[in-house]
Amino acid sequence: MSLPESRSGSSRGFIIPVGGAEEKVGDPAILKRFVELCGGSDARIAVIPTASQLPDTGTRYEEVFKDLGAGRVRSLPFESREDCHREDWLHKLQRADGIFLTGGNQLRLSTTIGGTPVAKMIRTRNAEGVHVAGTSAGAAFLSEHMIAFGQEGATPRADRVTLAPGLGLTNRVIVDQHFRQRGRLGRLLAALAYNPFAVGLGMDEDTAGFIGPDARLDVYGSDAITIIDPSHVQYTSMDSAHEDEAVCIIGVRLHILTEGASFDLHTREAFAPAAVEIGRASCRERV
């Protein structure tokens, strides 16, 4: 499975993992960009606070998005699998231009929403052009393979990361959040060592990757995204490593991308911020 195509032939919506702790006041560039992408004053945004156990998470994001100019914002607090069959909330989700999954615990998302009409509708709406963003736990849940939990540290070790099925908007990436703030390089490397197919996205806080329908990831925010590309891996010892033993990985490629940089998930090419601007200017000149 790859990035989904729209059944109607139109481009799918953006997939937007955010590393968590995104700025909500002052200069909320990431959330502002999301609102603009969804239609600005005409935007209808559905907030899904399922991952959080704090009662005011949904209403907090409602206020933030309204302050940023979104036309209509509605929190849909799916707290049980039974909730995920509520026709009134599914109708709200069906009409949304953008869907935002908050932080918290990604296993609350997968165990509550996974396999329900809500999960199916989010995938369908994204394929039809609706933009789907998730912060922290919400970011981890967006892809097909999700890091459920794992120990922190710089060295990949056997049995220190556990994967679970995610939402399934794409199988091209595995996302880890609060990345450099919590020292999660080792667990993302370990997750990729199980099957060196997907690209690892280590999302720093207040940083987002806007993955467009062309599979190009553009970086926004105040910190960085660590891109781990295992497509050239020659060897890993994951199959023979004992519990808690360091895992040998040879041939992995790593990029640190800041705002303005981009990464092509098709070609596995990274582009520096200056190169991105030159490329965009060149496109404008040709037009």
C-alpha atoms as a PDB file:
ATOM      1  CA  MET A   1       0.000   0.000   0.000  1.00  0.00           C
ATOM      2  CA  SER A   2       1.220   3.493  -0.813  1.00  0.00           C
ATOM      3  CA  LEU A   3      -0.184   6.976  -0.420  1.00  0.00           C
ATOM      4  CA  PRO A   4      -3.910   6.664  -1.211  1.00  0.00           C
ATOM      5  CA  GLU A   5      -5.431   8.054  -4.383  1.00  0.00           C
ATOM      6  CA  SER A   6      -8.800   9.784  -4.425  1.00  0.00           C
ATOM      7  CA  ARG A   7     -11.616   7.701  -5.840  1.00  0.00           C
ATOM      8  CA  SER A   8     -12.927  10.823  -7.547  1.00  0.00           C
ATOM      9  CA  GLY A   9      -9.559  11.428  -9.247  1.00  0.00           C
ATOM     10  CA  SER A  10      -8.659  14.524  -7.220  1.00  0.00           C
ATOM     11  CA  SER A  11      -5.501  14.809  -5.141  1.00  0.00           C
ATOM     12  CA  ARG A  12      -5.498  13.424  -1.644  1.00  0.00           C
ATOM     13  CA  GLY A  13      -5.174  15.803   1.274  1.00  0.00           C
ATOM     14  CA  PHE A  14      -1.989  16.628   3.136  1.00  0.00           C
ATOM     15  CA  ILE A  15      -0.740  14.328   5.887  1.00  0.00           C
ATOM     16  CA  ILE A  16       0.809  16.471   8.621  1.00  0.00           C
ATOM     17  CA  PRO A  17       2.736  14.955  11.554  1.00  0.00           C
ATOM     18  CA  VAL A  18       3.697  17.487  14.246  1.00  0.00           C
ATOM     19  CA  GLY A  19       6.364  16.709  16.844  1.00  0.00           C
ATOM     20  CA  GLY A  20       4.283  17.946  19.766  1.00  0.00           C
ATOM     21  CA  ALA A  21       4.408  21.061  21.961  1.00  0.00           C
ATOM     22  CA  GLU A  22       3.581  23.221  18.933  1.00  0.00           C
ATOM     23  CA  GLU A  23       3.289  26.944  19.567  1.00  0.00           C
ATOM     24  CA  LYS A  24      -0.335  27.898  20.248  1.00  0.00           C
ATOM     25  CA  VAL A  25       0.102  31.569  21.149  1.00  0.00           C
ATOM     26  CA  GLY A  26       2.515  34.231  19.964  1.00  0.00           C
ATOM     27  CA  ASP A  27       3.578  32.812  16.602  1.00  0.00           C
ATOM     28  CA  PRO A  28       1.608  29.575  16.032  1.00  0.00           C
ATOM     29  CA  ALA A  29       3.007  29.139  12.517  1.00  0.00           C
ATOM     30  CA  ILE A  30       2.227  25.425  12.169  1.00  0.00           C
ATOM     31  CA  LEU A  31      -1.407  25.644  13.283  1.00  0.00           C
ATOM     32  CA  LYS A  32      -1.882  28.815  11.241  1.00  0.00           C
ATOM     33  CA  ARG A  33      -0.559  27.038   8.138  1.00  0.00           C
ATOM     34  CA  PHE A  34      -2.974  24.150   8.796  1.00  0.00           C
ATOM     35  CA  VAL A  35      -5.949  26.526   9.048  1.00  0.00           C
ATOM     36  CA  GLU A  36      -4.953  28.291   5.816  1.00  0.00           C
ATOM     37  CA  LEU A  37      -4.557  24.957   4.037  1.00  0.00           C
ATOM     38  CA  CYS A  38      -8.057  23.934   5.157  1.00  0.00           C
ATOM     39  CA  GLY A  39      -9.669  27.099   3.790  1.00  0.00           C
ATOM     40  CA  GLY A  40      -9.057  29.864   6.324  1.00  0.00           C
ATOM     41  CA  SER A  41     -12.294  31.591   7.269  1.00  0.00           C
ATOM     42  CA  ASP A  42     -14.253  28.945   5.347  1.00  0.00           C
ATOM     43  CA  ALA A  43     -12.462  26.039   7.051  1.00  0.00           C
ATOM     44  CA  ARG A  44     -14.418  23.422   8.941  1.00  0.00           C
ATOM     45  CA  ILE A  45     -12.045  21.658  11.315  1.00  0.00           C
ATOM     46  CA  ALA A  46     -12.795  18.548  13.378  1.00  0.00           C
ATOM     47  CA  VAL A  47     -10.617  18.049  16.464  1.00  0.00           C
ATOM     48  CA  ILE A  48     -10.232  14.511  17.814  1.00  0.00           C
ATOM     49  CA  PRO A  49      -8.857  14.638  21.401  1.00  0.00           C
ATOM     50  CA  THR A  50      -9.126  10.869  21.990  1.00  0.00           C
ATOM     51  CA  ALA A  51      -5.416  10.420  22.813  1.00  0.00           C
ATOM     52  CA  SER A  52      -5.626  12.852  25.725  1.00  0.00           C
ATOM     53  CA  GLN A  53      -7.087  12.154  29.138  1.00  0.00           C
ATOM     54  CA  LEU A  54      -7.345  15.860  29.948  1.00  0.00           C
ATOM     55  CA  PRO A  55     -10.985  16.999  29.747  1.00  0.00           C
ATOM     56  CA  ASP A  56     -10.216  20.411  28.243  1.00  0.00           C
ATOM     57  CA  THR A  57      -7.919  19.331  25.379  1.00  0.00           C
ATOM     58  CA  GLY A  58     -10.631  19.443  22.726  1.00  0.00           C
ATOM     59  CA  THR A  59     -12.020  22.810  23.801  1.00  0.00           C
ATOM     60  CA  ARG A  60      -8.484  24.261  24.001  1.00  0.00           C
ATOM     61  CA  TYR A  61      -7.855  23.445  20.337  1.00  0.00           C
ATOM     62  CA  GLU A  62     -11.311  24.705  19.405  1.00  0.00           C
ATOM     63  CA  GLU A  63     -10.348  28.090  20.868  1.00  0.00           C
ATOM     64  CA  VAL A  64      -6.907  28.084  19.218  1.00  0.00           C
ATOM     65  CA  PHE A  65      -8.245  27.317  15.744  1.00  0.00           C
ATOM     66  CA  LYS A  66     -11.057  29.861  16.079  1.00  0.00           C
ATOM     67  CA  ASP A  67      -8.535  32.515  17.154  1.00  0.00           C
ATOM     68  CA  LEU A  68      -6.543  31.666  14.006  1.00  0.00           C
ATOM     69  CA  GLY A  69      -9.577  32.423  11.851  1.00  0.00           C
ATOM     70  CA  ALA A  70     -11.084  29.005  11.134  1.00  0.00           C
ATOM     71  CA  GLY A  71     -14.739  29.243  10.182  1.00  0.00           C
ATOM     72  CA  ARG A  72     -16.094  26.321  12.203  1.00  0.00           C
ATOM     73  CA  VAL A  73     -14.336  24.095  14.712  1.00  0.00           C
ATOM     74  CA  ARG A  74     -15.864  21.126  16.510  1.00  0.00           C
ATOM     75  CA  SER A  75     -14.274  18.777  19.035  1.00  0.00           C
ATOM     76  CA  LEU A  76     -15.392  15.155  18.634  1.00  0.00           C
ATOM     77  CA  PRO A  77     -14.378  13.358  21.843  1.00  0.00           C
ATOM     78  CA  PHE A  78     -14.522   9.707  20.808  1.00  0.00           C
ATOM     79  CA  GLU A  79     -13.881   8.118  24.210  1.00  0.00           C
ATOM     80  CA  SER A  80     -15.081   4.588  23.466  1.00  0.00           C
ATOM     81  CA  ARG A  81     -15.478   2.326  20.462  1.00  0.00           C
ATOM     82  CA  GLU A  82     -19.225   2.778  20.844  1.00  0.00           C
ATOM     83  CA  ASP A  83     -18.747   6.532  20.375  1.00  0.00           C
ATOM     84  CA  CYS A  84     -17.096   5.785  17.026  1.00  0.00           C
ATOM     85  CA  HIS A  85     -20.478   4.660  15.674  1.00  0.00           C
ATOM     86  CA  ARG A  86     -22.342   7.878  16.569  1.00  0.00           C
ATOM     87  CA  GLU A  87     -24.010   9.071  13.394  1.00  0.00           C
ATOM     88  CA  ASP A  88     -24.110  12.730  14.467  1.00  0.00           C
ATOM     89  CA  TRP A  89     -20.330  12.855  15.061  1.00  0.00           C
ATOM     90  CA  LEU A  90     -19.603  10.892  11.874  1.00  0.00           C
ATOM     91  CA  HIS A  91     -21.670  13.460   9.985  1.00  0.00           C
ATOM     92  CA  LYS A  92     -19.508  16.256  11.432  1.00  0.00           C
ATOM     93  CA  LEU A  93     -16.390  14.344  10.390  1.00  0.00           C
ATOM     94  CA  GLN A  94     -17.802  13.811   6.911  1.00  0.00           C
ATOM     95  CA  ARG A  95     -18.226  17.567   6.416  1.00  0.00           C
ATOM     96  CA  ALA A  96     -14.791  18.596   7.723  1.00  0.00           C
ATOM     97  CA  ASP A  97     -12.132  20.254   5.547  1.00  0.00           C
ATOM     98  CA  GLY A  98      -9.424  19.387   8.057  1.00  0.00           C
ATOM     99  CA  ILE A  99      -9.051  16.795  10.833  1.00  0.00           C
ATOM    100  CA  PHE A 100      -6.687  17.332  13.771  1.00  0.00           C
ATOM    101  CA  LEU A 101      -5.667  14.578  16.219  1.00  0.00           C
ATOM    102  CA  THR A 102      -4.287  15.842  19.518  1.00  0.00           C
ATOM    103  CA  GLY A 103      -1.471  14.456  21.651  1.00  0.00           C
ATOM    104  CA  GLY A 104      -1.674  12.092  24.580  1.00  0.00           C
ATOM    105  CA  ASN A 105      -1.247   8.323  24.278  1.00  0.00           C
ATOM    106  CA  GLN A 106      -1.192   6.803  20.796  1.00  0.00           C
ATOM    107  CA  LEU A 107      -2.447   3.455  22.097  1.00  0.00           C
ATOM    108  CA  ARG A 108      -5.643   5.213  23.191  1.00  0.00           C
ATOM    109  CA  LEU A 109      -6.068   6.219  19.554  1.00  0.00           C
ATOM    110  CA  SER A 110      -5.346   2.800  18.083  1.00  0.00           C
ATOM    111  CA  THR A 111      -7.420   0.831  20.599  1.00  0.00           C
ATOM    112  CA  THR A 112     -10.376   3.247  20.538  1.00  0.00           C
ATOM    113  CA  ILE A 113     -10.519   4.287  16.878  1.00  0.00           C
ATOM    114  CA  GLY A 114      -8.730   1.478  15.036  1.00  0.00           C
ATOM    115  CA  GLY A 115     -11.079  -0.658  12.921  1.00  0.00           C
ATOM    116  CA  THR A 116     -14.092   1.627  13.455  1.00  0.00           C
ATOM    117  CA  PRO A 117     -16.139   3.802  11.076  1.00  0.00           C
ATOM    118  CA  VAL A 118     -14.115   6.797  12.324  1.00  0.00           C
ATOM    119  CA  ALA A 119     -10.815   5.330  11.106  1.00  0.00           C
ATOM    120  CA  LYS A 120     -12.361   4.352   7.790  1.00  0.00           C
ATOM    121  CA  MET A 121     -13.871   7.806   7.310  1.00  0.00           C
ATOM    122  CA  ILE A 122     -10.591   9.621   8.069  1.00  0.00           C
ATOM    123  CA  ARG A 123      -8.786   7.482   5.479  1.00  0.00           C
ATOM    124  CA  THR A 124     -11.542   8.021   2.911  1.00  0.00           C
ATOM    125  CA  ARG A 125     -11.753  11.769   3.502  1.00  0.00           C
ATOM    126  CA  ASN A 126      -7.973  12.146   3.255  1.00  0.00           C
ATOM    127  CA  ALA A 127      -8.040  10.298  -0.085  1.00  0.00           C
ATOM    128  CA  GLU A 128     -10.751  12.744  -1.203  1.00  0.00           C
ATOM    129  CA  GLY A 129      -8.682  15.819  -0.359  1.00  0.00           C
ATOM    130  CA  VAL A 130      -9.231  16.501   3.343  1.00  0.00           C
ATOM    131  CA  HIS A 131      -6.085  17.432   5.262  1.00  0.00           C
ATOM    132  CA  VAL A 132      -5.241  15.335   8.338  1.00  0.00           C
ATOM    133  CA  ALA A 133      -2.808  16.524  11.005  1.00  0.00           C
ATOM    134  CA  GLY A 134      -1.723  14.959  14.267  1.00  0.00           C
ATOM    135  CA  THR A 135       0.498  16.254  17.039  1.00  0.00           C
ATOM    136  CA  SER A 136       2.644  14.080  19.322  1.00  0.00           C
ATOM    137  CA  ALA A 137       0.637  10.861  19.803  1.00  0.00           C
ATOM    138  CA  GLY A 138      -1.618  11.971  16.964  1.00  0.00           C
ATOM    139  CA  ALA A 139       1.435  12.208  14.696  1.00  0.00           C
ATOM    140  CA  ALA A 140       2.619   8.693  15.581  1.00  0.00           C
ATOM    141  CA  PHE A 141      -0.842   7.303  14.762  1.00  0.00           C
ATOM    142  CA  LEU A 142      -1.080   8.711  11.224  1.00  0.00           C
ATOM    143  CA  SER A 143       0.983   6.055   9.426  1.00  0.00           C
ATOM    144  CA  GLU A 144       0.365   2.355   8.883  1.00  0.00           C
ATOM    145  CA  HIS A 145       3.099   1.320  11.332  1.00  0.00           C
ATOM    146  CA  MET A 146       3.051   3.111  14.682  1.00  0.00           C
ATOM    147  CA  ILE A 147       5.598   3.180  17.488  1.00  0.00           C
ATOM    148  CA  ALA A 148       3.427   2.177  20.440  1.00  0.00           C
ATOM    149  CA  PHE A 149       6.132   2.672  23.059  1.00  0.00           C
ATOM    150  CA  GLY A 150       9.837   2.137  23.620  1.00  0.00           C
ATOM    151  CA  GLN A 151      12.832   3.119  25.694  1.00  0.00           C
ATOM    152  CA  GLU A 152      14.810   6.246  24.983  1.00  0.00           C
ATOM    153  CA  GLY A 153      18.491   6.556  24.134  1.00  0.00           C
ATOM    154  CA  ALA A 154      20.765   7.048  21.128  1.00  0.00           C
ATOM    155  CA  THR A 155      21.659   3.378  20.478  1.00  0.00           C
ATOM    156  CA  PRO A 156      19.170   0.964  18.869  1.00  0.00           C
ATOM    157  CA  ARG A 157      18.655  -2.074  21.075  1.00  0.00           C
ATOM    158  CA  ALA A 158      16.704  -5.281  20.630  1.00  0.00           C
ATOM    159  CA  ASP A 159      13.284  -5.487  22.297  1.00  0.00           C
ATOM    160  CA  ARG A 160      13.304  -1.795  23.234  1.00  0.00           C
ATOM    161  CA  VAL A 161      10.576  -0.676  20.830  1.00  0.00           C
ATOM    162  CA  THR A 162       7.084  -2.020  20.213  1.00  0.00           C
ATOM    163  CA  LEU A 163       5.152  -1.395  17.008  1.00  0.00           C
ATOM    164  CA  ALA A 164       1.389  -1.490  16.526  1.00  0.00           C
ATOM    165  CA  PRO A 165      -0.967  -0.827  13.600  1.00  0.00           C
ATOM    166  CA  GLY A 166      -1.695   2.866  13.088  1.00  0.00           C
ATOM    167  CA  LEU A 167      -4.354   4.737  11.134  1.00  0.00           C
ATOM    168  CA  GLY A 168      -2.865   3.785   7.765  1.00  0.00           C
ATOM    169  CA  LEU A 169      -2.868   7.062   5.833  1.00  0.00           C
ATOM    170  CA  THR A 170       0.548   6.058   4.444  1.00  0.00           C
ATOM    171  CA  ASN A 171       3.039   3.233   4.809  1.00  0.00           C
ATOM    172  CA  ARG A 172       5.972   5.329   3.577  1.00  0.00           C
ATOM    173  CA  VAL A 173       6.940   6.674   7.006  1.00  0.00           C
ATOM    174  CA  ILE A 174       7.264   5.757  10.675  1.00  0.00           C
ATOM    175  CA  VAL A 175       6.922   8.774  12.965  1.00  0.00           C
ATOM    176  CA  ASP A 176       8.517   9.403  16.344  1.00  0.00           C
ATOM    177  CA  GLN A 177       7.686  12.595  18.239  1.00  0.00           C
ATOM    178  CA  HIS A 178       9.415  14.858  20.816  1.00  0.00           C
ATOM    179  CA  PHE A 179      12.425  13.402  19.046  1.00  0.00           C
ATOM    180  CA  ARG A 180      15.615  15.167  20.076  1.00  0.00           C
ATOM    181  CA  GLN A 181      14.023  16.583  23.237  1.00  0.00           C
ATOM    182  CA  ARG A 182      13.581  13.029  24.568  1.00  0.00           C
ATOM    183  CA  GLY A 183      16.528  11.270  22.925  1.00  0.00           C
ATOM    184  CA  ARG A 184      14.547   8.872  20.709  1.00  0.00           C
ATOM    185  CA  LEU A 185      17.071   8.184  17.934  1.00  0.00           C
ATOM    186  CA  GLY A 186      17.708   4.629  19.134  1.00  0.00           C
ATOM    187  CA  ARG A 187      14.092   3.534  19.200  1.00  0.00           C
ATOM    188  CA  LEU A 188      13.343   4.941  15.747  1.00  0.00           C
ATOM    189  CA  LEU A 189      16.417   3.182  14.336  1.00  0.00           C
ATOM    190  CA  ALA A 190      15.305  -0.038  16.020  1.00  0.00           C
ATOM    191  CA  ALA A 191      11.804   0.298  14.531  1.00  0.00           C
ATOM    192  CA  LEU A 192      13.296   0.714  11.053  1.00  0.00           C
ATOM    193  CA  ALA A 193      15.687  -2.212  11.577  1.00  0.00           C
ATOM    194  CA  TYR A 194      12.699  -4.579  11.810  1.00  0.00           C
ATOM    195  CA  ASN A 195      11.929  -3.823   8.147  1.00  0.00           C
ATOM    196  CA  PRO A 196      14.082  -1.210   6.368  1.00  0.00           C
ATOM    197  CA  PHE A 197      11.325  -0.039   4.026  1.00  0.00           C
ATOM    198  CA  ALA A 198       9.699   3.056   5.501  1.00  0.00           C
ATOM    199  CA  VAL A 199      11.439   6.389   6.069  1.00  0.00           C
ATOM    200  CA  GLY A 200      11.855   7.367   9.705  1.00  0.00           C
ATOM    201  CA  LEU A 201      10.626  10.843  10.677  1.00  0.00           C
ATOM    202  CA  GLY A 202      12.060  12.047  13.978  1.00  0.00           C
ATOM    203  CA  MET A 203       9.853  15.050  14.727  1.00  0.00           C
ATOM    204  CA  ASP A 204      11.227  17.678  17.101  1.00  0.00           C
ATOM    205  CA  GLU A 205       8.786  19.732  19.138  1.00  0.00           C
ATOM    206  CA  ASP A 206       7.127  22.707  17.436  1.00  0.00           C
ATOM    207  CA  THR A 207       8.089  21.234  14.062  1.00  0.00           C
ATOM    208  CA  ALA A 208       5.860  19.719  11.376  1.00  0.00           C
ATOM    209  CA  GLY A 209       6.179  17.876   8.107  1.00  0.00           C
ATOM    210  CA  PHE A 210       3.550  18.821   5.510  1.00  0.00           C
ATOM    211  CA  ILE A 211       3.408  15.768   3.223  1.00  0.00           C
ATOM    212  CA  GLY A 212       1.651  16.744   0.013  1.00  0.00           C
ATOM    213  CA  PRO A 213      -0.158  14.564  -2.537  1.00  0.00           C
ATOM    214  CA  ASP A 214       3.098  14.424  -4.527  1.00  0.00           C
ATOM    215  CA  ALA A 215       4.779  12.700  -1.536  1.00  0.00           C
ATOM    216  CA  ARG A 216       7.007  15.712  -0.903  1.00  0.00           C
ATOM    217  CA  LEU A 217       7.539  16.619   2.749  1.00  0.00           C
ATOM    218  CA  ASP A 218       8.048  20.325   3.545  1.00  0.00           C
ATOM    219  CA  VAL A 219       9.397  21.310   6.950  1.00  0.00           C
ATOM    220  CA  TYR A 220       7.747  24.026   9.042  1.00  0.00           C
ATOM    221  CA  GLY A 221       8.491  25.105  12.597  1.00  0.00           C
ATOM    222  CA  SER A 222      11.207  26.236  14.962  1.00  0.00           C
ATOM    223  CA  ASP A 223      13.339  23.078  15.230  1.00  0.00           C
ATOM    224  CA  ALA A 224      14.116  20.152  12.913  1.00  0.00           C
ATOM    225  CA  ILE A 225      13.046  16.813  11.475  1.00  0.00           C
ATOM    226  CA  THR A 226      15.552  13.967  11.526  1.00  0.00           C
ATOM    227  CA  ILE A 227      15.066  11.930   8.359  1.00  0.00           C
ATOM    228  CA  ILE A 228      16.325   8.342   8.582  1.00  0.00           C
ATOM    229  CA  ASP A 229      16.470   6.622   5.198  1.00  0.00           C
ATOM    230  CA  PRO A 230      17.136   2.858   5.483  1.00  0.00           C
ATOM    231  CA  SER A 231      16.814   2.138   1.746  1.00  0.00           C
ATOM    232  CA  HIS A 232      20.581   1.561   1.437  1.00  0.00           C
ATOM    233  CA  VAL A 233      20.946  -0.576   4.557  1.00  0.00           C
ATOM    234  CA  GLN A 234      23.319  -3.468   3.861  1.00  0.00           C
ATOM    235  CA  TYR A 235      23.028  -5.301   7.157  1.00  0.00           C
ATOM    236  CA  THR A 236      21.274  -5.294  10.538  1.00  0.00           C
ATOM    237  CA  SER A 237      21.713  -7.702  13.433  1.00  0.00           C
ATOM    238  CA  MET A 238      18.106  -7.320  14.595  1.00  0.00           C
ATOM    239  CA  ASP A 239      17.276 -10.953  13.769  1.00  0.00           C
ATOM    240  CA  SER A 240      20.061 -12.303  16.002  1.00  0.00           C
ATOM    241  CA  ALA A 241      20.392  -9.664  18.723  1.00  0.00           C
ATOM    242  CA  HIS A 242      19.550 -10.749  22.261  1.00  0.00           C
ATOM    243  CA  GLU A 243      17.270  -8.790  24.577  1.00  0.00           C
ATOM    244  CA  ASP A 244      18.649  -5.325  25.363  1.00  0.00           C
ATOM    245  CA  GLU A 245      21.672  -5.929  23.121  1.00  0.00           C
ATOM    246  CA  ALA A 246      22.859  -3.120  20.833  1.00  0.00           C
ATOM    247  CA  VAL A 247      21.792  -3.621  17.206  1.00  0.00           C
ATOM    248  CA  CYS A 248      24.327  -3.238  14.389  1.00  0.00           C
ATOM    249  CA  ILE A 249      23.030  -1.288  11.366  1.00  0.00           C
ATOM    250  CA  ILE A 250      25.222  -0.608   8.328  1.00  0.00           C
ATOM    251  CA  GLY A 251      24.338   1.754   5.482  1.00  0.00           C
ATOM    252  CA  VAL A 252      21.625   3.941   6.982  1.00  0.00           C
ATOM    253  CA  ARG A 253      21.368   7.545   5.695  1.00  0.00           C
ATOM    254  CA  LEU A 254      20.454  10.470   7.942  1.00  0.00           C
ATOM    255  CA  HIS A 255      19.395  14.062   7.224  1.00  0.00           C
ATOM    256  CA  ILE A 256      18.586  16.917   9.611  1.00  0.00           C
ATOM    257  CA  LEU A 257      16.048  19.223   7.950  1.00  0.00           C
ATOM    258  CA  THR A 258      14.977  22.635   9.236  1.00  0.00           C
ATOM    259  CA  GLU A 259      12.227  24.998   8.096  1.00  0.00           C
ATOM    260  CA  GLY A 260      12.237  25.506   4.344  1.00  0.00           C
ATOM    261  CA  ALA A 261      13.950  22.190   3.625  1.00  0.00           C
ATOM    262  CA  SER A 262      12.107  19.297   2.004  1.00  0.00           C
ATOM    263  CA  PHE A 263      12.344  15.576   1.341  1.00  0.00           C
ATOM    264  CA  ASP A 264      10.942  13.604  -1.594  1.00  0.00           C
ATOM    265  CA  LEU A 265       9.517  10.331  -0.301  1.00  0.00           C
ATOM    266  CA  HIS A 266       9.506   8.901  -3.850  1.00  0.00           C
ATOM    267  CA  THR A 267      13.130   9.543  -4.765  1.00  0.00           C
ATOM    268  CA  ARG A 268      14.505   9.711  -1.202  1.00  0.00           C
ATOM    269  CA  GLU A 269      16.183  13.044  -2.023  1.00  0.00           C
ATOM    270  CA  ALA A 270      16.641  15.824   0.537  1.00  0.00           C
ATOM    271  CA  PHE A 271      16.660  19.506  -0.458  1.00  0.00           C
ATOM    272  CA  ALA A 272      18.223  22.326   1.550  1.00  0.00           C
ATOM    273  CA  PRO A 273      16.151  25.452   2.249  1.00  0.00           C
ATOM    274  CA  ALA A 274      18.053  27.547  -0.320  1.00  0.00           C
ATOM    275  CA  ALA A 275      17.637  24.839  -2.955  1.00  0.00           C
ATOM    276  CA  VAL A 276      13.907  24.715  -2.250  1.00  0.00           C
ATOM    277  CA  GLU A 277      13.557  28.471  -2.729  1.00  0.00           C
ATOM    278  CA  ILE A 278      15.609  28.405  -5.935  1.00  0.00           C
ATOM    279  CA  GLY A 279      13.475  25.548  -7.251  1.00  0.00           C
ATOM    280  CA  ARG A 280      10.257  27.396  -6.464  1.00  0.00           C
ATOM    281  CA  ALA A 281      11.529  30.584  -8.099  1.00  0.00           C
ATOM    282  CA  SER A 282      12.509  28.597 -11.173  1.00  0.00           C
ATOM    283  CA  CYS A 283       9.021  27.118 -11.380  1.00  0.00           C
ATOM    284  CA  ARG A 284       7.476  30.601 -11.136  1.00  0.00           C
ATOM    285  CA  GLU A 285       9.722  31.834 -13.940  1.00  0.00           C
ATOM    286  CA  ARG A 286       8.692  28.947 -16.193  1.00  0.00           C
ATOM    287  CA  VAL A 287       5.038  29.706 -15.530  1.00  0.00           C
END
